[in-house]
Amino acid sequence: MKSKLIMRIIIVFLVFIFSACGLSNVVNRGEYIDQKAIQPGTPRKECLARFGSPIDAKVDQSGLRTDIFRCPQGEPTSGKAIKGTGILIADVLTLGLTEIIFTPVTDSKQFVTFEIFYDKDERVREVKFIQQ
C-alpha cells in the first residue's frame, strides 16, 4: 500500500518537473517590442540598456545618430498567460507527455529588426521597423 502511494507521489513530482520546460519557455520570454515599446524622447542610453548593442550605428552629415537593433521578439503579457495556462493544463492531462512537442516549439525564437533615429540630444525621434 505504501509503495503505491510513493509511486504516485514520484509520478506527480516527475510530471511537474518535466512540465517546467515548455511552460518556462513561454513565461520567461522577453519584452514584446512594437511601436508602443519605444517612445519618442527616450534617451539613447536607455535604448542601449534595453536592447543591447546595435548591429549597426551611423552618424549622418548633420551629426544625428541612427542605430539598428536586432532583438528576440518577446510575448505580450496576455499571450504569456493564455499559452502558459494551456500548456500547464495539457501537461497535467497528459502526465507531461506534451512536453515532447511543446518544448521544441516554445524554445524557438523570432527576431525583430528596427531602426531608431535620434535627435541632436540623443533622444528617440523616430522608430522604423524593418522586420517584424
C-alpha atoms as a PDB file:
ATOM      1  CA  MET A   1       0.000   0.000   0.000  1.00  0.00           C
ATOM      2  CA  LYS A   2       2.769   2.424   0.915  1.00  0.00           C
ATOM      3  CA  SER A   3       4.715   1.561  -2.235  1.00  0.00           C
ATOM      4  CA  LYS A   4       1.725   2.554  -4.436  1.00  0.00           C
ATOM      5  CA  LEU A   5       1.444   5.881  -2.628  1.00  0.00           C
ATOM      6  CA  ILE A   6       5.165   6.536  -3.009  1.00  0.00           C
ATOM      7  CA  MET A   7       4.973   5.626  -6.697  1.00  0.00           C
ATOM      8  CA  ARG A   8       2.079   8.077  -7.236  1.00  0.00           C
ATOM      9  CA  ILE A   9       3.970  10.843  -5.457  1.00  0.00           C
ATOM     10  CA  ILE A  10       7.019  10.196  -7.644  1.00  0.00           C
ATOM     11  CA  ILE A  11       4.900  10.283 -10.813  1.00  0.00           C
ATOM     12  CA  VAL A  12       3.234  13.566  -9.806  1.00  0.00           C
ATOM     13  CA  PHE A  13       6.639  15.020  -8.928  1.00  0.00           C
ATOM     14  CA  LEU A  14       8.096  13.982 -12.311  1.00  0.00           C
ATOM     15  CA  VAL A  15       5.110  15.456 -14.170  1.00  0.00           C
ATOM     16  CA  PHE A  16       5.699  18.839 -12.561  1.00  0.00           C
ATOM     17  CA  ILE A  17       9.443  18.710 -13.214  1.00  0.00           C
ATOM     18  CA  PHE A  18       9.006  17.835 -16.887  1.00  0.00           C
ATOM     19  CA  SER A  19       6.206  20.342 -17.364  1.00  0.00           C
ATOM     20  CA  ALA A  20       8.527  23.177 -16.408  1.00  0.00           C
ATOM     21  CA  CYS A  21      10.398  23.321 -19.717  1.00  0.00           C
ATOM     22  CA  GLY A  22       7.706  24.322 -22.219  1.00  0.00           C
ATOM     23  CA  LEU A  23       5.899  26.447 -19.669  1.00  0.00           C
ATOM     24  CA  SER A  24       9.028  28.330 -18.616  1.00  0.00           C
ATOM     25  CA  ASN A  25       9.957  28.963 -22.268  1.00  0.00           C
ATOM     26  CA  VAL A  26       6.688  30.844 -22.732  1.00  0.00           C
ATOM     27  CA  VAL A  27       6.559  32.641 -19.384  1.00  0.00           C
ATOM     28  CA  ASN A  28      10.207  33.792 -19.473  1.00  0.00           C
ATOM     29  CA  ARG A  29      10.121  35.308 -22.934  1.00  0.00           C
ATOM     30  CA  GLY A  30      11.356  38.844 -23.066  1.00  0.00           C
ATOM     31  CA  GLU A  31       9.668  42.129 -23.755  1.00  0.00           C
ATOM     32  CA  TYR A  32       7.278  42.421 -26.693  1.00  0.00           C
ATOM     33  CA  ILE A  33       8.725  45.095 -28.983  1.00  0.00           C
ATOM     34  CA  ASP A  34       6.411  47.231 -31.092  1.00  0.00           C
ATOM     35  CA  GLN A  35       5.856  50.945 -31.847  1.00  0.00           C
ATOM     36  CA  LYS A  36       4.459  51.499 -28.341  1.00  0.00           C
ATOM     37  CA  ALA A  37       7.518  49.957 -26.648  1.00  0.00           C
ATOM     38  CA  ILE A  38       9.871  52.716 -27.827  1.00  0.00           C
ATOM     39  CA  GLN A  39       8.517  56.151 -27.049  1.00  0.00           C
ATOM     40  CA  PRO A  40       9.815  59.354 -28.666  1.00  0.00           C
ATOM     41  CA  GLY A  41      12.040  61.245 -26.256  1.00  0.00           C
ATOM     42  CA  THR A  42      13.599  58.109 -24.726  1.00  0.00           C
ATOM     43  CA  PRO A  43      17.354  58.628 -24.167  1.00  0.00           C
ATOM     44  CA  ARG A  44      19.754  56.567 -26.292  1.00  0.00           C
ATOM     45  CA  LYS A  45      21.390  55.156 -23.150  1.00  0.00           C
ATOM     46  CA  GLU A  46      18.050  53.653 -22.104  1.00  0.00           C
ATOM     47  CA  CYS A  47      17.611  52.050 -25.546  1.00  0.00           C
ATOM     48  CA  LEU A  48      21.103  50.549 -25.324  1.00  0.00           C
ATOM     49  CA  ALA A  49      20.332  49.195 -21.850  1.00  0.00           C
ATOM     50  CA  ARG A  50      17.063  47.591 -23.033  1.00  0.00           C
ATOM     51  CA  PHE A  51      18.104  46.225 -26.423  1.00  0.00           C
ATOM     52  CA  GLY A  52      21.875  45.763 -26.112  1.00  0.00           C
ATOM     53  CA  SER A  53      24.431  46.860 -28.652  1.00  0.00           C
ATOM     54  CA  PRO A  54      23.083  47.828 -32.076  1.00  0.00           C
ATOM     55  CA  ILE A  55      24.050  45.719 -35.074  1.00  0.00           C
ATOM     56  CA  ASP A  56      24.792  48.962 -36.921  1.00  0.00           C
ATOM     57  CA  ALA A  57      25.248  52.564 -35.810  1.00  0.00           C
ATOM     58  CA  LYS A  58      25.562  55.564 -38.117  1.00  0.00           C
ATOM     59  CA  VAL A  59      26.031  59.296 -37.782  1.00  0.00           C
ATOM     60  CA  ASP A  60      24.804  61.404 -40.701  1.00  0.00           C
ATOM     61  CA  GLN A  61      26.365  64.627 -42.028  1.00  0.00           C
ATOM     62  CA  SER A  62      24.368  66.795 -39.626  1.00  0.00           C
ATOM     63  CA  GLY A  63      25.580  64.752 -36.622  1.00  0.00           C
ATOM     64  CA  LEU A  64      22.326  62.870 -35.960  1.00  0.00           C
ATOM     65  CA  ARG A  65      22.757  59.276 -34.818  1.00  0.00           C
ATOM     66  CA  THR A  66      20.872  56.195 -36.072  1.00  0.00           C
ATOM     67  CA  ASP A  67      21.026  52.707 -34.515  1.00  0.00           C
ATOM     68  CA  ILE A  68      19.773  49.432 -35.971  1.00  0.00           C
ATOM     69  CA  PHE A  69      18.840  46.724 -33.459  1.00  0.00           C
ATOM     70  CA  ARG A  70      18.002  43.043 -33.900  1.00  0.00           C
ATOM     71  CA  CYS A  71      16.393  41.570 -30.782  1.00  0.00           C
ATOM     72  CA  PRO A  72      14.473  38.433 -29.865  1.00  0.00           C
ATOM     73  CA  GLN A  73      10.765  39.192 -30.037  1.00  0.00           C
ATOM     74  CA  GLY A  74       9.029  38.678 -26.729  1.00  0.00           C
ATOM     75  CA  GLU A  75       5.461  37.775 -25.968  1.00  0.00           C
ATOM     76  CA  PRO A  76       2.675  40.132 -24.868  1.00  0.00           C
ATOM     77  CA  THR A  77       1.582  39.538 -21.262  1.00  0.00           C
ATOM     78  CA  SER A  78      -1.842  38.296 -22.323  1.00  0.00           C
ATOM     79  CA  GLY A  79      -0.215  35.828 -24.735  1.00  0.00           C
ATOM     80  CA  LYS A  80       2.035  34.509 -21.976  1.00  0.00           C
ATOM     81  CA  ALA A  81      -0.943  33.932 -19.691  1.00  0.00           C
ATOM     82  CA  ILE A  82      -3.072  32.185 -22.315  1.00  0.00           C
ATOM     83  CA  LYS A  83      -0.296  29.973 -23.709  1.00  0.00           C
ATOM     84  CA  GLY A  84       1.096  29.192 -20.258  1.00  0.00           C
ATOM     85  CA  THR A  85      -2.287  28.115 -18.939  1.00  0.00           C
ATOM     86  CA  GLY A  86      -2.925  25.933 -21.977  1.00  0.00           C
ATOM     87  CA  ILE A  87       0.463  24.247 -21.686  1.00  0.00           C
ATOM     88  CA  LEU A  88       0.014  23.635 -17.951  1.00  0.00           C
ATOM     89  CA  ILE A  89      -3.424  22.059 -18.460  1.00  0.00           C
ATOM     90  CA  ALA A  90      -2.144  19.881 -21.308  1.00  0.00           C
ATOM     91  CA  ASP A  91       0.841  18.794 -19.201  1.00  0.00           C
ATOM     92  CA  VAL A  92      -1.350  17.749 -16.298  1.00  0.00           C
ATOM     93  CA  LEU A  93      -3.846  15.906 -18.505  1.00  0.00           C
ATOM     94  CA  THR A  94      -1.140  14.000 -20.395  1.00  0.00           C
ATOM     95  CA  LEU A  95       1.191  13.475 -17.412  1.00  0.00           C
ATOM     96  CA  GLY A  96       3.868  15.613 -19.049  1.00  0.00           C
ATOM     97  CA  LEU A  97       3.944  13.840 -22.402  1.00  0.00           C
ATOM     98  CA  THR A  98       3.050  17.032 -24.283  1.00  0.00           C
ATOM     99  CA  GLU A  99       6.483  18.408 -23.360  1.00  0.00           C
ATOM    100  CA  ILE A 100       7.906  16.349 -26.226  1.00  0.00           C
ATOM    101  CA  ILE A 101       6.052  18.700 -28.565  1.00  0.00           C
ATOM    102  CA  PHE A 102       5.815  21.927 -26.548  1.00  0.00           C
ATOM    103  CA  THR A 103       9.459  22.320 -25.518  1.00  0.00           C
ATOM    104  CA  PRO A 104      10.975  22.498 -29.033  1.00  0.00           C
ATOM    105  CA  VAL A 105       8.095  24.620 -30.336  1.00  0.00           C
ATOM    106  CA  THR A 106       8.202  27.159 -27.500  1.00  0.00           C
ATOM    107  CA  ASP A 107      12.011  27.271 -27.489  1.00  0.00           C
ATOM    108  CA  SER A 108      12.204  28.733 -30.996  1.00  0.00           C
ATOM    109  CA  LYS A 109      12.921  32.455 -31.181  1.00  0.00           C
ATOM    110  CA  GLN A 110      11.669  35.044 -33.584  1.00  0.00           C
ATOM    111  CA  PHE A 111      13.604  38.242 -34.057  1.00  0.00           C
ATOM    112  CA  VAL A 112      12.563  41.809 -34.737  1.00  0.00           C
ATOM    113  CA  THR A 113      14.798  44.331 -36.517  1.00  0.00           C
ATOM    114  CA  PHE A 114      14.215  48.044 -36.113  1.00  0.00           C
ATOM    115  CA  GLU A 115      15.950  51.346 -36.706  1.00  0.00           C
ATOM    116  CA  ILE A 116      15.949  54.171 -34.171  1.00  0.00           C
ATOM    117  CA  PHE A 117      16.598  57.748 -35.286  1.00  0.00           C
ATOM    118  CA  TYR A 118      17.808  60.158 -32.597  1.00  0.00           C
ATOM    119  CA  ASP A 119      17.695  63.955 -32.360  1.00  0.00           C
ATOM    120  CA  LYS A 120      20.674  66.204 -31.520  1.00  0.00           C
ATOM    121  CA  ASP A 121      20.227  65.421 -27.780  1.00  0.00           C
ATOM    122  CA  GLU A 122      20.396  61.655 -28.496  1.00  0.00           C
ATOM    123  CA  ARG A 123      16.740  61.081 -27.678  1.00  0.00           C
ATOM    124  CA  VAL A 124      14.453  58.918 -29.823  1.00  0.00           C
ATOM    125  CA  ARG A 125      12.959  60.937 -32.639  1.00  0.00           C
ATOM    126  CA  GLU A 126      11.506  58.134 -34.760  1.00  0.00           C
ATOM    127  CA  VAL A 127      11.369  54.319 -34.884  1.00  0.00           C
ATOM    128  CA  LYS A 128      11.133  52.347 -38.115  1.00  0.00           C
ATOM    129  CA  PHE A 129      10.568  48.588 -38.065  1.00  0.00           C
ATOM    130  CA  ILE A 130      12.493  46.748 -40.755  1.00  0.00           C
ATOM    131  CA  GLN A 131      11.415  43.166 -39.957  1.00  0.00           C
ATOM    132  CA  GLN A 132       8.771  42.008 -37.503  1.00  0.00           C
END
